[in-house]
Amino acid sequence: MSFLDRMTDSWFKTNNHGQVAFYPWGVLGKGYVLFGDEKETQVRRFARRHLLSGAGLVFLTIVTVGPAFGLLWLPFWTLFYWWCVNRLLQGCESIG
């Protein structure tokens, strides 16, 4: 299991009924029940890609331009994440 998988696994929890829930904002937000293995795989793939691309973008900016400019991506990346999560989780039941 890679480091990236362990990072994204913290966003997923299994409840007493065996259903997998995704918490896109961690402990700060509500969760969404993912019905079916296909949806879970799709959301896990999105979470890994988003985490990897976001970290890569910030790292590349810090190395090439400077540390202060790495923080400039944060509001844009957060809005993009919010938009993608809302599209991805349409039709999923929210909990919390």
Protein backbone atom coordinates (compact mmCIF):
# COMPACT_ATOMS: atom_id res chain seq x y z
CA MET A 1 0.00 0.00 0.00
CA SER A 2 1.46 3.32 -1.02
CA PHE A 3 1.67 6.52 0.98
CA LEU A 4 -0.92 8.08 -1.33
CA ASP A 5 -3.37 5.24 -0.64
CA ARG A 6 -2.95 5.66 3.12
CA MET A 7 -3.60 9.40 2.80
CA THR A 8 -6.81 8.90 0.86
CA ASP A 9 -7.98 6.02 3.07
CA SER A 10 -8.47 8.52 5.89
CA TRP A 11 -11.36 10.02 3.90
CA PHE A 12 -13.25 6.70 3.79
CA LYS A 13 -15.02 4.92 6.66
CA THR A 14 -17.14 1.76 6.78
CA ASN A 15 -20.29 1.90 8.93
CA ASN A 16 -22.01 -0.91 10.89
CA HIS A 17 -24.01 -1.97 7.83
CA GLY A 18 -20.89 -2.48 5.72
CA GLN A 19 -21.50 0.63 3.62
CA VAL A 20 -18.54 2.79 2.67
CA ALA A 21 -18.83 6.51 3.40
CA PHE A 22 -16.65 9.23 1.88
CA TYR A 23 -15.82 12.34 3.90
CA PRO A 24 -14.45 14.84 1.36
CA TRP A 25 -13.65 17.50 3.98
CA GLY A 26 -12.44 15.12 6.67
CA VAL A 27 -13.79 15.72 10.16
CA LEU A 28 -14.98 19.20 9.19
CA GLY A 29 -17.85 18.14 6.93
CA LYS A 30 -20.52 15.60 6.28
CA GLY A 31 -20.05 12.23 4.69
CA TYR A 32 -21.66 10.54 1.71
CA VAL A 33 -22.63 6.88 1.47
CA LEU A 34 -21.18 5.28 -1.65
CA PHE A 35 -23.49 2.63 -3.04
CA GLY A 36 -21.66 0.00 -5.05
CA ASP A 37 -18.05 -0.92 -5.64
CA GLU A 38 -17.94 1.00 -8.92
CA LYS A 39 -18.79 4.30 -7.23
CA GLU A 40 -16.28 3.63 -4.45
CA THR A 41 -13.54 2.89 -7.00
CA GLN A 42 -14.41 6.04 -8.93
CA VAL A 43 -14.28 8.23 -5.81
CA ARG A 44 -11.04 6.64 -4.55
CA ARG A 45 -9.42 7.21 -7.94
CA PHE A 46 -10.56 10.85 -7.90
CA ALA A 47 -9.23 11.37 -4.35
CA ARG A 48 -5.80 9.94 -5.22
CA ARG A 49 -5.53 11.97 -8.42
CA HIS A 50 -6.66 15.17 -6.76
CA LEU A 51 -4.24 14.77 -3.86
CA LEU A 52 -1.32 13.93 -6.13
CA SER A 53 -1.97 16.69 -8.67
CA GLY A 54 -2.58 19.31 -5.97
CA ALA A 55 0.61 18.46 -4.12
CA GLY A 56 2.56 18.36 -7.38
CA LEU A 57 1.23 21.74 -8.47
CA VAL A 58 2.10 23.40 -5.16
CA PHE A 59 5.54 21.76 -5.05
CA LEU A 60 6.34 22.80 -8.61
CA THR A 61 5.25 26.36 -7.91
CA ILE A 62 7.32 26.55 -4.72
CA VAL A 63 10.42 25.22 -6.48
CA THR A 64 10.16 27.37 -9.60
CA VAL A 65 8.66 30.65 -8.34
CA GLY A 66 8.92 30.71 -4.56
CA PRO A 67 7.25 29.58 -1.34
CA ALA A 68 4.82 32.48 -1.10
CA PHE A 69 3.39 31.73 -4.53
CA GLY A 70 2.61 28.15 -3.58
CA LEU A 71 -0.15 29.42 -1.29
CA LEU A 72 -1.79 31.32 -4.14
CA TRP A 73 -3.09 28.04 -5.58
CA LEU A 74 -4.96 27.15 -2.39
CA PRO A 75 -8.24 29.06 -2.98
CA PHE A 76 -8.45 28.00 -6.63
CA TRP A 77 -7.64 24.37 -5.87
CA THR A 78 -10.20 24.31 -3.03
CA LEU A 79 -12.94 25.68 -5.30
CA PHE A 80 -12.03 23.16 -8.00
CA TYR A 81 -12.13 20.33 -5.44
CA TRP A 82 -15.54 21.49 -4.15
CA TRP A 83 -16.92 21.61 -7.72
CA CYS A 84 -15.57 18.15 -8.59
CA VAL A 85 -16.85 16.59 -5.36
CA ASN A 86 -20.34 18.02 -5.89
CA ARG A 87 -20.49 16.61 -9.41
CA LEU A 88 -19.04 13.26 -8.39
CA LEU A 89 -21.35 12.70 -5.42
CA GLN A 90 -24.66 13.63 -7.05
CA GLY A 91 -27.27 11.10 -6.02
CA CYS A 92 -25.31 9.85 -3.00
CA GLU A 93 -26.98 9.94 0.41
CA SER A 94 -25.39 12.40 2.83
CA ILE A 95 -24.82 11.59 6.49
CA GLY A 96 -24.06 13.96 9.31
